[in-house]
Amino acid sequence: MTFYIHGSSMRVFLLVLASLCSTSTLAQTHERFMVMVQGDLIRTDQAGFLTQLQAGAEAGYQIGKRWWATGGVEWWSGDGLMAVGGARYFPVDEAFIRLRGLIRQDIAVGGGFVKPLSTRLRFEAMTDYYIMEGLIAIRAGLAWKFRETP
């Protein structure tokens, strides 16, 4: 089942995304770029763990002390490749809340936690709620932070 974001739904999503991204850009750090790879371990429409391929790769750019803008691609078995754009808010360093728009598919809201494995590499675990399909997914992945060149 495929859902498309049309007209007013897309405008609402873009308005929410723009409002999330328009906060002040205070206290930029030297690690403003990040690349994440992640995949679904299980979703409420799956019969068991890893029964379908649903994975993605995203890049993130820090736009404020606790805000990141993200964009990338997702691959879902049955639906194929789709573009993804969103934002993450870190109320604390170890946890985040995120909003993502899966172009041609759905809007996902969720949250997760971060466990550093080194100064640059970290493990991420998260859950997403897909609004239009009414599904919940548990995901895991890795993120790599790039140091900004001085």
Protein backbone atom coordinates (compact mmCIF):
# COMPACT_ATOMS: atom_id res chain seq x y z
CA MET A 1 0.00 0.00 0.00
CA THR A 2 1.51 3.30 -1.07
CA PHE A 3 0.43 6.73 0.14
CA TYR A 4 1.34 9.95 -1.57
CA ILE A 5 1.75 13.34 0.08
CA HIS A 6 -0.28 15.84 -1.93
CA GLY A 7 -1.05 19.53 -1.81
CA SER A 8 -2.06 20.62 1.67
CA SER A 9 -0.39 17.67 3.42
CA MET A 10 2.94 18.55 1.81
CA ARG A 11 2.52 22.22 2.73
CA VAL A 12 1.81 21.29 6.37
CA PHE A 13 4.88 19.02 6.48
CA LEU A 14 7.12 21.70 4.93
CA LEU A 15 5.76 24.33 7.34
CA VAL A 16 6.49 22.09 10.35
CA LEU A 17 9.96 21.26 9.00
CA ALA A 18 10.73 24.94 8.35
CA SER A 19 9.61 25.91 11.85
CA LEU A 20 11.81 23.19 13.36
CA CYS A 21 14.80 24.38 11.33
CA SER A 22 14.36 28.10 12.02
CA THR A 23 15.55 28.13 15.61
CA SER A 24 18.56 30.21 16.52
CA THR A 25 21.95 28.79 15.57
CA LEU A 26 23.76 29.30 18.84
CA ALA A 27 26.86 27.44 19.98
CA GLN A 28 27.92 25.63 16.82
CA THR A 29 30.32 22.80 17.55
CA HIS A 30 33.22 21.53 15.48
CA GLU A 31 31.27 18.37 14.60
CA ARG A 32 28.51 19.73 12.41
CA PHE A 33 28.25 16.90 9.87
CA MET A 34 27.05 13.37 10.49
CA VAL A 35 26.23 10.33 8.33
CA MET A 36 23.79 7.71 9.59
CA VAL A 37 22.87 4.25 8.31
CA GLN A 38 19.97 2.44 9.91
CA GLY A 39 17.50 -0.33 9.30
CA ASP A 40 14.26 -1.64 10.69
CA LEU A 41 14.62 -4.58 13.03
CA ILE A 42 10.86 -5.08 13.16
CA ARG A 43 7.70 -3.25 12.13
CA THR A 44 4.12 -3.89 13.20
CA ASP A 45 3.22 -5.19 9.71
CA GLN A 46 6.04 -7.81 9.76
CA ALA A 47 5.73 -11.40 10.93
CA GLY A 48 9.12 -11.41 12.67
CA PHE A 49 12.56 -9.82 12.97
CA LEU A 50 14.27 -8.80 9.71
CA THR A 51 11.60 -10.33 7.45
CA GLN A 52 11.66 -7.38 5.02
CA LEU A 53 14.45 -5.03 3.94
CA GLN A 54 13.79 -1.52 5.20
CA ALA A 55 16.95 0.51 5.56
CA GLY A 56 18.23 4.00 4.95
CA ALA A 57 21.19 6.32 4.80
CA GLU A 58 21.01 9.96 5.86
CA ALA A 59 23.33 12.90 6.23
CA GLY A 60 22.88 15.39 9.03
CA TYR A 61 23.94 19.00 9.46
CA GLN A 62 23.88 20.71 12.83
CA ILE A 63 21.85 23.92 12.57
CA GLY A 64 21.74 24.81 16.25
CA LYS A 65 23.06 23.67 19.59
CA ARG A 66 20.53 20.83 19.76
CA TRP A 67 19.00 20.80 16.24
CA TRP A 68 20.03 18.77 13.18
CA ALA A 69 18.57 18.88 9.65
CA THR A 70 18.70 15.50 7.91
CA GLY A 71 18.19 14.19 4.40
CA GLY A 72 18.83 10.96 2.59
CA VAL A 73 17.27 7.88 1.04
CA GLU A 74 15.28 4.88 2.28
CA TRP A 75 14.82 1.48 0.64
CA TRP A 76 11.73 -0.49 1.54
CA SER A 77 11.04 -3.89 0.01
CA GLY A 78 7.85 -3.53 -1.99
CA ASP A 79 8.02 0.28 -2.16
CA GLY A 80 11.56 0.75 -3.47
CA LEU A 81 13.78 3.78 -3.07
CA MET A 82 12.44 7.07 -1.72
CA ALA A 83 13.86 10.42 -0.58
CA VAL A 84 13.72 11.37 3.09
CA GLY A 85 14.01 14.78 4.75
CA GLY A 86 13.63 15.71 8.38
CA ALA A 87 14.94 17.16 11.60
CA ARG A 88 16.25 15.90 14.93
CA TYR A 89 16.07 17.64 18.28
CA PHE A 90 18.37 16.51 21.12
CA PRO A 91 16.84 17.57 24.48
CA VAL A 92 19.85 15.81 26.08
CA ASP A 93 23.06 14.56 24.45
CA GLU A 94 22.02 10.90 24.66
CA ALA A 95 18.47 11.10 23.24
CA PHE A 96 16.64 12.68 20.34
CA ILE A 97 13.20 13.30 18.92
CA ARG A 98 12.82 13.27 15.16
CA LEU A 99 10.36 14.12 12.39
CA ARG A 100 10.90 12.73 8.91
CA GLY A 101 9.01 13.03 5.66
CA LEU A 102 9.30 10.03 3.36
CA ILE A 103 8.58 11.53 -0.04
CA ARG A 104 5.81 9.57 -1.85
CA GLN A 105 5.17 7.52 1.27
CA ASP A 106 4.48 8.83 4.77
CA ILE A 107 5.44 11.11 7.65
CA ALA A 108 7.24 9.54 10.62
CA VAL A 109 7.67 10.87 14.14
CA GLY A 110 9.82 9.13 16.68
CA GLY A 111 12.67 9.21 19.08
CA GLY A 112 15.72 7.32 20.10
CA PHE A 113 18.89 7.15 22.09
CA VAL A 114 22.58 7.35 21.26
CA LYS A 115 25.41 5.25 22.71
CA PRO A 116 28.92 6.49 21.79
CA LEU A 117 31.26 3.71 20.66
CA SER A 118 34.20 6.10 20.11
CA THR A 119 34.70 9.86 19.77
CA ARG A 120 33.21 9.74 16.24
CA LEU A 121 31.21 6.50 15.94
CA ARG A 122 27.98 5.92 17.81
CA PHE A 123 25.19 3.36 17.98
CA GLU A 124 21.62 4.61 17.59
CA ALA A 125 18.38 2.85 18.49
CA MET A 126 15.05 4.44 17.72
CA THR A 127 11.37 3.92 17.16
CA ASP A 128 9.20 5.58 14.54
CA TYR A 129 5.46 5.97 14.17
CA TYR A 130 4.34 6.24 10.53
CA ILE A 131 1.30 8.51 10.66
CA MET A 132 -0.50 7.62 7.41
CA GLU A 133 0.05 3.86 7.59
CA GLY A 134 -0.37 3.64 11.38
CA LEU A 135 2.74 1.47 11.76
CA ILE A 136 5.41 1.40 14.45
CA ALA A 137 9.01 0.42 13.66
CA ILE A 138 12.01 -0.30 15.84
CA ARG A 139 15.27 0.64 14.11
CA ALA A 140 18.96 0.44 14.85
CA GLY A 141 21.98 1.91 13.14
CA LEU A 142 25.34 3.61 13.27
CA ALA A 143 26.27 7.27 12.94
CA TRP A 144 29.65 8.80 12.11
CA LYS A 145 30.41 12.43 13.02
CA PHE A 146 32.87 14.30 10.82
CA ARG A 147 35.11 16.93 12.36
CA GLU A 148 34.86 20.27 10.65
CA THR A 149 38.11 21.42 9.09
CA PRO A 150 39.41 24.50 10.96
